[in-house]
Amino acid sequence: MAKVQGECILYPCYFNAGYSRVEGRRVRKSLGVKAPVITDLERALKRAGVKYRVEDHHHPAHCARKEGRIVAEWTEGKEALIKKVAQKLEVRK
């Protein structure tokens, strides 16, 4: 399904503290988590009150990793959504 206006696509690699910016991380390391998965992003979006859907796609730079992606209903800037989700992520124990 194609992206439409009012939606933002999020990949787990955006929040992976173990990745460099070149590898796809989009948050400061201090906001990132170790090896995030789609369910982590789902919980963070629920906490933030953002509607979303999960799709079985991969990040273009990580075609071998079938991580999935989330399409969130969001009309503000993508960086604002990424920061909001990063702040709601919890470290898994």
PDB file of N, CA and C in Angstrom:
ATOM      1  N   MET A   1       0.845  -1.174   0.000  1.00  0.00           N
ATOM      2  CA  MET A   1       0.000   0.000   0.000  1.00  0.00           C
ATOM      3  C   MET A   1       0.893   1.241   0.000  1.00  0.00           C
ATOM      4  N   ALA A   2       0.568   2.205  -0.795  1.00  0.00           N
ATOM      5  CA  ALA A   2       1.364   3.426  -0.910  1.00  0.00           C
ATOM      6  C   ALA A   2       1.077   4.381   0.243  1.00  0.00           C
ATOM      7  N   LYS A   3       2.074   5.193   0.544  1.00  0.00           N
ATOM      8  CA  LYS A   3       1.932   6.196   1.596  1.00  0.00           C
ATOM      9  C   LYS A   3       1.020   7.309   1.080  1.00  0.00           C
ATOM     10  N   VAL A   4       0.118   7.762   1.942  1.00  0.00           N
ATOM     11  CA  VAL A   4      -0.767   8.852   1.573  1.00  0.00           C
ATOM     12  C   VAL A   4      -0.531  10.026   2.506  1.00  0.00           C
ATOM     13  N   GLN A   5      -1.045  11.180   2.124  1.00  0.00           N
ATOM     14  CA  GLN A   5      -0.885  12.364   2.954  1.00  0.00           C
ATOM     15  C   GLN A   5      -1.490  12.122   4.335  1.00  0.00           C
ATOM     16  N   GLY A   6      -0.794  12.584   5.364  1.00  0.00           N
ATOM     17  CA  GLY A   6      -1.273  12.382   6.725  1.00  0.00           C
ATOM     18  C   GLY A   6      -0.762  11.103   7.357  1.00  0.00           C
ATOM     19  N   GLU A   7       0.192  10.439   6.706  1.00  0.00           N
ATOM     20  CA  GLU A   7       0.774   9.212   7.236  1.00  0.00           C
ATOM     21  C   GLU A   7       2.293   9.327   7.255  1.00  0.00           C
ATOM     22  N   CYS A   8       2.894   8.660   8.219  1.00  0.00           N
ATOM     23  CA  CYS A   8       4.355   8.568   8.322  1.00  0.00           C
ATOM     24  C   CYS A   8       4.739   7.103   8.476  1.00  0.00           C
ATOM     25  N   ILE A   9       5.794   6.707   7.799  1.00  0.00           N
ATOM     26  CA  ILE A   9       6.292   5.339   7.888  1.00  0.00           C
ATOM     27  C   ILE A   9       7.437   5.298   8.883  1.00  0.00           C
ATOM     28  N   LEU A  10       7.375   4.324   9.796  1.00  0.00           N
ATOM     29  CA  LEU A  10       8.421   4.132  10.799  1.00  0.00           C
ATOM     30  C   LEU A  10       8.978   2.720  10.693  1.00  0.00           C
ATOM     31  N   TYR A  11      10.294   2.621  10.782  1.00  0.00           N
ATOM     32  CA  TYR A  11      10.983   1.331  10.786  1.00  0.00           C
ATOM     33  C   TYR A  11      11.697   1.162  12.121  1.00  0.00           C
ATOM     34  N   PRO A  12      11.825  -0.064  12.614  1.00  0.00           N
ATOM     35  CA  PRO A  12      12.536  -0.284  13.882  1.00  0.00           C
ATOM     36  C   PRO A  12      13.969   0.246  13.867  1.00  0.00           C
ATOM     37  N   CYS A  13      14.634   0.209  12.723  1.00  0.00           N
ATOM     38  CA  CYS A  13      16.026   0.660  12.670  1.00  0.00           C
ATOM     39  C   CYS A  13      16.170   2.133  13.050  1.00  0.00           C
ATOM     40  N   TYR A  14      15.122   2.923  12.924  1.00  0.00           N
ATOM     41  CA  TYR A  14      15.180   4.339  13.307  1.00  0.00           C
ATOM     42  C   TYR A  14      15.521   4.507  14.789  1.00  0.00           C
ATOM     43  N   PHE A  15      15.188   3.515  15.603  1.00  0.00           N
ATOM     44  CA  PHE A  15      15.294   3.611  17.056  1.00  0.00           C
ATOM     45  C   PHE A  15      16.371   2.692  17.636  1.00  0.00           C
ATOM     46  N   ASN A  16      17.156   2.051  16.782  1.00  0.00           N
ATOM     47  CA  ASN A  16      18.151   1.075  17.228  1.00  0.00           C
ATOM     48  C   ASN A  16      19.431   1.784  17.668  1.00  0.00           C
ATOM     49  N   ALA A  17      19.702   1.775  18.971  1.00  0.00           N
ATOM     50  CA  ALA A  17      20.876   2.437  19.533  1.00  0.00           C
ATOM     51  C   ALA A  17      22.177   1.792  19.054  1.00  0.00           C
ATOM     52  N   GLY A  18      22.108   0.572  18.582  1.00  0.00           N
ATOM     53  CA  GLY A  18      23.289  -0.126  18.088  1.00  0.00           C
ATOM     54  C   GLY A  18      23.671   0.240  16.664  1.00  0.00           C
ATOM     55  N   TYR A  19      22.823   0.980  15.978  1.00  0.00           N
ATOM     56  CA  TYR A  19      23.100   1.387  14.604  1.00  0.00           C
ATOM     57  C   TYR A  19      23.697   2.782  14.575  1.00  0.00           C
ATOM     58  N   SER A  20      24.450   3.040  13.534  1.00  0.00           N
ATOM     59  CA  SER A  20      24.935   4.403  13.291  1.00  0.00           C
ATOM     60  C   SER A  20      23.861   5.142  12.485  1.00  0.00           C
ATOM     61  N   ARG A  21      24.063   6.424  12.311  1.00  0.00           N
ATOM     62  CA  ARG A  21      23.125   7.192  11.481  1.00  0.00           C
ATOM     63  C   ARG A  21      23.118   6.661  10.051  1.00  0.00           C
ATOM     64  N   VAL A  22      24.272   6.264   9.554  1.00  0.00           N
ATOM     65  CA  VAL A  22      24.381   5.733   8.197  1.00  0.00           C
ATOM     66  C   VAL A  22      23.584   4.433   8.052  1.00  0.00           C
ATOM     67  N   GLU A  23      23.520   3.658   9.121  1.00  0.00           N
ATOM     68  CA  GLU A  23      22.789   2.390   9.090  1.00  0.00           C
ATOM     69  C   GLU A  23      21.285   2.570   9.281  1.00  0.00           C
ATOM     70  N   GLY A  24      20.842   3.787   9.545  1.00  0.00           N
ATOM     71  CA  GLY A  24      19.407   4.039   9.605  1.00  0.00           C
ATOM     72  C   GLY A  24      18.870   4.607  10.900  1.00  0.00           C
ATOM     73  N   ARG A  25      19.715   4.739  11.936  1.00  0.00           N
ATOM     74  CA  ARG A  25      19.212   5.313  13.192  1.00  0.00           C
ATOM     75  C   ARG A  25      18.860   6.775  12.981  1.00  0.00           C
ATOM     76  N   ARG A  26      17.713   7.203  13.515  1.00  0.00           N
ATOM     77  CA  ARG A  26      17.261   8.585  13.332  1.00  0.00           C
ATOM     78  C   ARG A  26      17.086   9.327  14.641  1.00  0.00           C
ATOM     79  N   VAL A  27      17.428   8.679  15.761  1.00  0.00           N
ATOM     80  CA  VAL A  27      17.326   9.330  17.070  1.00  0.00           C
ATOM     81  C   VAL A  27      18.705   9.342  17.721  1.00  0.00           C
ATOM     82  N   ARG A  28      18.866  10.212  18.722  1.00  0.00           N
ATOM     83  CA  ARG A  28      20.105  10.195  19.499  1.00  0.00           C
ATOM     84  C   ARG A  28      20.260   8.818  20.133  1.00  0.00           C
ATOM     85  N   LYS A  29      21.498   8.389  20.343  1.00  0.00           N
ATOM     86  CA  LYS A  29      21.722   7.076  20.968  1.00  0.00           C
ATOM     87  C   LYS A  29      21.040   6.983  22.315  1.00  0.00           C
ATOM     88  N   SER A  30      21.000   8.091  23.045  1.00  0.00           N
ATOM     89  CA  SER A  30      20.379   8.076  24.373  1.00  0.00           C
ATOM     90  C   SER A  30      18.868   7.829  24.302  1.00  0.00           C
ATOM     91  N   LEU A  31      18.242   8.133  23.173  1.00  0.00           N
ATOM     92  CA  LEU A  31      16.804   7.871  22.999  1.00  0.00           C
ATOM     93  C   LEU A  31      16.544   6.517  22.350  1.00  0.00           C
ATOM     94  N   GLY A  32      17.574   5.915  21.778  1.00  0.00           N
ATOM     95  CA  GLY A  32      17.418   4.630  21.117  1.00  0.00           C
ATOM     96  C   GLY A  32      17.358   3.483  22.116  1.00  0.00           C
ATOM     97  N   VAL A  33      16.971   2.320  21.630  1.00  0.00           N
ATOM     98  CA  VAL A  33      16.930   1.110  22.442  1.00  0.00           C
ATOM     99  C   VAL A  33      17.695   0.015  21.713  1.00  0.00           C
ATOM    100  N   LYS A  34      18.050  -1.017  22.441  1.00  0.00           N
ATOM    101  CA  LYS A  34      18.786  -2.125  21.850  1.00  0.00           C
ATOM    102  C   LYS A  34      17.831  -3.048  21.101  1.00  0.00           C
ATOM    103  N   ALA A  35      18.078  -3.233  19.823  1.00  0.00           N
ATOM    104  CA  ALA A  35      17.333  -4.169  18.974  1.00  0.00           C
ATOM    105  C   ALA A  35      15.813  -4.020  19.063  1.00  0.00           C
ATOM    106  N   PRO A  36      15.260  -2.855  18.733  1.00  0.00           N
ATOM    107  CA  PRO A  36      13.802  -2.704  18.776  1.00  0.00           C
ATOM    108  C   PRO A  36      13.115  -3.554  17.699  1.00  0.00           C
ATOM    109  N   VAL A  37      11.903  -3.968  18.005  1.00  0.00           N
ATOM    110  CA  VAL A  37      11.086  -4.732  17.059  1.00  0.00           C
ATOM    111  C   VAL A  37       9.743  -4.015  16.892  1.00  0.00           C
ATOM    112  N   ILE A  38       8.969  -4.463  15.949  1.00  0.00           N
ATOM    113  CA  ILE A  38       7.685  -3.829  15.645  1.00  0.00           C
ATOM    114  C   ILE A  38       6.782  -3.737  16.878  1.00  0.00           C
ATOM    115  N   THR A  39       6.744  -4.772  17.698  1.00  0.00           N
ATOM    116  CA  THR A  39       5.860  -4.732  18.871  1.00  0.00           C
ATOM    117  C   THR A  39       6.267  -3.619  19.843  1.00  0.00           C
ATOM    118  N   ASP A  40       7.562  -3.318  19.914  1.00  0.00           N
ATOM    119  CA  ASP A  40       8.016  -2.202  20.752  1.00  0.00           C
ATOM    120  C   ASP A  40       7.450  -0.884  20.225  1.00  0.00           C
ATOM    121  N   LEU A  41       7.501  -0.722  18.912  1.00  0.00           N
ATOM    122  CA  LEU A  41       6.968   0.505  18.311  1.00  0.00           C
ATOM    123  C   LEU A  41       5.454   0.584  18.483  1.00  0.00           C
ATOM    124  N   GLU A  42       4.779  -0.561  18.373  1.00  0.00           N
ATOM    125  CA  GLU A  42       3.329  -0.575  18.574  1.00  0.00           C
ATOM    126  C   GLU A  42       2.959  -0.107  19.984  1.00  0.00           C
ATOM    127  N   ARG A  43       3.658  -0.630  20.999  1.00  0.00           N
ATOM    128  CA  ARG A  43       3.384  -0.211  22.377  1.00  0.00           C
ATOM    129  C   ARG A  43       3.633   1.285  22.556  1.00  0.00           C
ATOM    130  N   ALA A  44       4.712   1.785  21.982  1.00  0.00           N
ATOM    131  CA  ALA A  44       5.044   3.209  22.106  1.00  0.00           C
ATOM    132  C   ALA A  44       3.969   4.073  21.435  1.00  0.00           C
ATOM    133  N   LEU A  45       3.487   3.654  20.273  1.00  0.00           N
ATOM    134  CA  LEU A  45       2.446   4.417  19.578  1.00  0.00           C
ATOM    135  C   LEU A  45       1.129   4.385  20.354  1.00  0.00           C
ATOM    136  N   LYS A  46       0.809   3.246  20.964  1.00  0.00           N
ATOM    137  CA  LYS A  46      -0.401   3.158  21.783  1.00  0.00           C
ATOM    138  C   LYS A  46      -0.299   4.111  22.965  1.00  0.00           C
ATOM    139  N   ARG A  47       0.871   4.136  23.626  1.00  0.00           N
ATOM    140  CA  ARG A  47       1.084   5.057  24.749  1.00  0.00           C
ATOM    141  C   ARG A  47       0.955   6.507  24.311  1.00  0.00           C
ATOM    142  N   ALA A  48       1.390   6.793  23.092  1.00  0.00           N
ATOM    143  CA  ALA A  48       1.344   8.159  22.573  1.00  0.00           C
ATOM    144  C   ALA A  48      -0.032   8.521  22.014  1.00  0.00           C
ATOM    145  N   GLY A  49      -0.916   7.530  21.879  1.00  0.00           N
ATOM    146  CA  GLY A  49      -2.256   7.785  21.361  1.00  0.00           C
ATOM    147  C   GLY A  49      -2.302   8.029  19.858  1.00  0.00           C
ATOM    148  N   VAL A  50      -1.384   7.405  19.139  1.00  0.00           N
ATOM    149  CA  VAL A  50      -1.303   7.574  17.684  1.00  0.00           C
ATOM    150  C   VAL A  50      -1.865   6.326  17.006  1.00  0.00           C
ATOM    151  N   LYS A  51      -2.765   6.517  16.052  1.00  0.00           N
ATOM    152  CA  LYS A  51      -3.320   5.392  15.290  1.00  0.00           C
ATOM    153  C   LYS A  51      -2.286   4.935  14.269  1.00  0.00           C
ATOM    154  N   TYR A  52      -2.277   3.635  13.976  1.00  0.00           N
ATOM    155  CA  TYR A  52      -1.271   3.078  13.081  1.00  0.00           C
ATOM    156  C   TYR A  52      -1.754   1.760  12.496  1.00  0.00           C
ATOM    157  N   ARG A  53      -0.998   1.276  11.526  1.00  0.00           N
ATOM    158  CA  ARG A  53      -1.184  -0.083  11.008  1.00  0.00           C
ATOM    159  C   ARG A  53       0.207  -0.669  10.755  1.00  0.00           C
ATOM    160  N   VAL A  54       0.317  -1.967  10.868  1.00  0.00           N
ATOM    161  CA  VAL A  54       1.575  -2.664  10.655  1.00  0.00           C
ATOM    162  C   VAL A  54       1.563  -3.254   9.250  1.00  0.00           C
ATOM    163  N   GLU A  55       2.691  -3.123   8.553  1.00  0.00           N
ATOM    164  CA  GLU A  55       2.826  -3.689   7.211  1.00  0.00           C
ATOM    165  C   GLU A  55       4.056  -4.589   7.168  1.00  0.00           C
ATOM    166  N   ASP A  56       3.991  -5.585   6.329  1.00  0.00           N
ATOM    167  CA  ASP A  56       5.091  -6.545   6.183  1.00  0.00           C
ATOM    168  C   ASP A  56       6.043  -6.077   5.086  1.00  0.00           C
ATOM    169  N   HIS A  57       6.759  -5.000   5.360  1.00  0.00           N
ATOM    170  CA  HIS A  57       7.744  -4.454   4.433  1.00  0.00           C
ATOM    171  C   HIS A  57       9.056  -4.303   5.179  1.00  0.00           C
ATOM    172  N   HIS A  58      10.124  -4.057   4.455  1.00  0.00           N
ATOM    173  CA  HIS A  58      11.426  -3.862   5.082  1.00  0.00           C
ATOM    174  C   HIS A  58      11.975  -2.490   4.710  1.00  0.00           C
ATOM    175  N   HIS A  59      12.920  -2.023   5.503  1.00  0.00           N
ATOM    176  CA  HIS A  59      13.594  -0.762   5.194  1.00  0.00           C
ATOM    177  C   HIS A  59      14.405  -0.979   3.920  1.00  0.00           C
ATOM    178  N   PRO A  60      14.408  -0.029   2.991  1.00  0.00           N
ATOM    179  CA  PRO A  60      15.128  -0.215   1.731  1.00  0.00           C
ATOM    180  C   PRO A  60      16.614  -0.575   1.903  1.00  0.00           C
ATOM    181  N   ALA A  61      17.254  -0.063   2.949  1.00  0.00           N
ATOM    182  CA  ALA A  61      18.672  -0.357   3.160  1.00  0.00           C
ATOM    183  C   ALA A  61      18.897  -1.687   3.878  1.00  0.00           C
ATOM    184  N   HIS A  62      17.831  -2.298   4.370  1.00  0.00           N
ATOM    185  CA  HIS A  62      17.945  -3.544   5.135  1.00  0.00           C
ATOM    186  C   HIS A  62      17.039  -4.616   4.547  1.00  0.00           C
ATOM    187  N   CYS A  63      17.193  -4.893   3.273  1.00  0.00           N
ATOM    188  CA  CYS A  63      16.279  -5.830   2.615  1.00  0.00           C
ATOM    189  C   CYS A  63      16.386  -7.259   3.145  1.00  0.00           C
ATOM    190  N   ALA A  64      17.518  -7.631   3.722  1.00  0.00           N
ATOM    191  CA  ALA A  64      17.671  -8.987   4.256  1.00  0.00           C
ATOM    192  C   ALA A  64      16.961  -9.152   5.597  1.00  0.00           C
ATOM    193  N   ARG A  65      16.718  -8.043   6.294  1.00  0.00           N
ATOM    194  CA  ARG A  65      16.042  -8.087   7.596  1.00  0.00           C
ATOM    195  C   ARG A  65      14.558  -7.824   7.392  1.00  0.00           C
ATOM    196  N   LYS A  66      13.751  -8.785   7.615  1.00  0.00           N
ATOM    197  CA  LYS A  66      12.302  -8.621   7.449  1.00  0.00           C
ATOM    198  C   LYS A  66      11.705  -8.096   8.754  1.00  0.00           C
ATOM    199  N   GLU A  67      11.994  -6.824   9.071  1.00  0.00           N
ATOM    200  CA  GLU A  67      11.571  -6.230  10.331  1.00  0.00           C
ATOM    201  C   GLU A  67      10.117  -5.769  10.323  1.00  0.00           C
ATOM    202  N   GLY A  68       9.594  -5.452   9.177  1.00  0.00           N
ATOM    203  CA  GLY A  68       8.272  -4.858   9.091  1.00  0.00           C
ATOM    204  C   GLY A  68       8.361  -3.345   9.236  1.00  0.00           C
ATOM    205  N   ARG A  69       7.222  -2.708   9.097  1.00  0.00           N
ATOM    206  CA  ARG A  69       7.167  -1.264   9.268  1.00  0.00           C
ATOM    207  C   ARG A  69       5.805  -0.873   9.795  1.00  0.00           C
ATOM    208  N   ILE A  70       5.732   0.345  10.302  1.00  0.00           N
ATOM    209  CA  ILE A  70       4.477   0.878  10.810  1.00  0.00           C
ATOM    210  C   ILE A  70       4.131   2.123  10.022  1.00  0.00           C
ATOM    211  N   VAL A  71       2.876   2.223   9.644  1.00  0.00           N
ATOM    212  CA  VAL A  71       2.371   3.425   8.995  1.00  0.00           C
ATOM    213  C   VAL A  71       1.454   4.098  10.007  1.00  0.00           C
ATOM    214  N   ALA A  72       1.890   5.258  10.481  1.00  0.00           N
ATOM    215  CA  ALA A  72       1.157   5.975  11.522  1.00  0.00           C
ATOM    216  C   ALA A  72       0.370   7.124  10.914  1.00  0.00           C
ATOM    217  N   GLU A  73      -0.820   7.381  11.476  1.00  0.00           N
ATOM    218  CA  GLU A  73      -1.612   8.532  11.074  1.00  0.00           C
ATOM    219  C   GLU A  73      -1.020   9.742  11.774  1.00  0.00           C
ATOM    220  N   TRP A  74      -0.408  10.639  11.002  1.00  0.00           N
ATOM    221  CA  TRP A  74       0.316  11.765  11.581  1.00  0.00           C
ATOM    222  C   TRP A  74       0.385  12.880  10.560  1.00  0.00           C
ATOM    223  N   THR A  75      -0.046  14.077  10.951  1.00  0.00           N
ATOM    224  CA  THR A  75      -0.057  15.204  10.013  1.00  0.00           C
ATOM    225  C   THR A  75       1.065  16.199  10.264  1.00  0.00           C
ATOM    226  N   GLU A  76       1.751  16.067  11.414  1.00  0.00           N
ATOM    227  CA  GLU A  76       2.876  16.956  11.700  1.00  0.00           C
ATOM    228  C   GLU A  76       4.133  16.396  11.034  1.00  0.00           C
ATOM    229  N   GLY A  77       5.282  16.976  11.329  1.00  0.00           N
ATOM    230  CA  GLY A  77       6.532  16.511  10.742  1.00  0.00           C
ATOM    231  C   GLY A  77       6.936  15.123  11.227  1.00  0.00           C
ATOM    232  N   LYS A  78       7.612  14.390  10.365  1.00  0.00           N
ATOM    233  CA  LYS A  78       8.032  13.037  10.690  1.00  0.00           C
ATOM    234  C   LYS A  78       9.009  13.022  11.864  1.00  0.00           C
ATOM    235  N   GLU A  79       9.910  13.982  11.934  1.00  0.00           N
ATOM    236  CA  GLU A  79      10.872  14.023  13.036  1.00  0.00           C
ATOM    237  C   GLU A  79      10.168  14.179  14.385  1.00  0.00           C
ATOM    238  N   ALA A  80       9.077  14.923  14.412  1.00  0.00           N
ATOM    239  CA  ALA A  80       8.306  15.083  15.651  1.00  0.00           C
ATOM    240  C   ALA A  80       7.717  13.744  16.081  1.00  0.00           C
ATOM    241  N   LEU A  81       7.224  12.952  15.134  1.00  0.00           N
ATOM    242  CA  LEU A  81       6.677  11.635  15.454  1.00  0.00           C
ATOM    243  C   LEU A  81       7.778  10.695  15.928  1.00  0.00           C
ATOM    244  N   ILE A  82       8.914  10.705  15.259  1.00  0.00           N
ATOM    245  CA  ILE A  82      10.026   9.841  15.648  1.00  0.00           C
ATOM    246  C   ILE A  82      10.458  10.158  17.075  1.00  0.00           C
ATOM    247  N   LYS A  83      10.562  11.435  17.407  1.00  0.00           N
ATOM    248  CA  LYS A  83      10.960  11.825  18.756  1.00  0.00           C
ATOM    249  C   LYS A  83       9.919  11.389  19.784  1.00  0.00           C
ATOM    250  N   LYS A  84       8.636  11.559  19.451  1.00  0.00           N
ATOM    251  CA  LYS A  84       7.557  11.176  20.363  1.00  0.00           C
ATOM    252  C   LYS A  84       7.580   9.679  20.632  1.00  0.00           C
ATOM    253  N   VAL A  85       7.772   8.887  19.586  1.00  0.00           N
ATOM    254  CA  VAL A  85       7.824   7.434  19.747  1.00  0.00           C
ATOM    255  C   VAL A  85       9.059   7.027  20.548  1.00  0.00           C
ATOM    256  N   ALA A  86      10.189   7.644  20.257  1.00  0.00           N
ATOM    257  CA  ALA A  86      11.432   7.330  20.982  1.00  0.00           C
ATOM    258  C   ALA A  86      11.283   7.597  22.471  1.00  0.00           C
ATOM    259  N   GLN A  87      10.586   8.640  22.826  1.00  0.00           N
ATOM    260  CA  GLN A  87      10.387   8.972  24.230  1.00  0.00           C
ATOM    261  C   GLN A  87       9.450   7.992  24.932  1.00  0.00           C
ATOM    262  N   LYS A  88       8.604   7.315  24.172  1.00  0.00           N
ATOM    263  CA  LYS A  88       7.656   6.352  24.748  1.00  0.00           C
ATOM    264  C   LYS A  88       8.196   4.923  24.747  1.00  0.00           C
ATOM    265  N   LEU A  89       9.314   4.679  24.062  1.00  0.00           N
ATOM    266  CA  LEU A  89       9.888   3.324  24.035  1.00  0.00           C
ATOM    267  C   LEU A  89      10.435   2.962  25.403  1.00  0.00           C
ATOM    268  N   GLU A  90      10.261   1.723  25.766  1.00  0.00           N
ATOM    269  CA  GLU A  90      10.820   1.230  27.020  1.00  0.00           C
ATOM    270  C   GLU A  90      11.873   0.188  26.694  1.00  0.00           C
ATOM    271  N   VAL A  91      12.864   0.106  27.515  1.00  0.00           N
ATOM    272  CA  VAL A  91      13.894  -0.919  27.346  1.00  0.00           C
ATOM    273  C   VAL A  91      13.305  -2.245  27.797  1.00  0.00           C
ATOM    274  N   ARG A  92      13.414  -3.259  26.922  1.00  0.00           N
ATOM    275  CA  ARG A  92      12.938  -4.615  27.274  1.00  0.00           C
ATOM    276  C   ARG A  92      13.911  -5.243  28.247  1.00  0.00           C
ATOM    277  N   LYS A  93      13.387  -5.985  29.177  1.00  0.00           N
ATOM    278  CA  LYS A  93      14.243  -6.667  30.163  1.00  0.00           C
ATOM    279  C   LYS A  93      14.255  -8.146  29.933  1.00  0.00           C
TER     280      LYS A  93
END
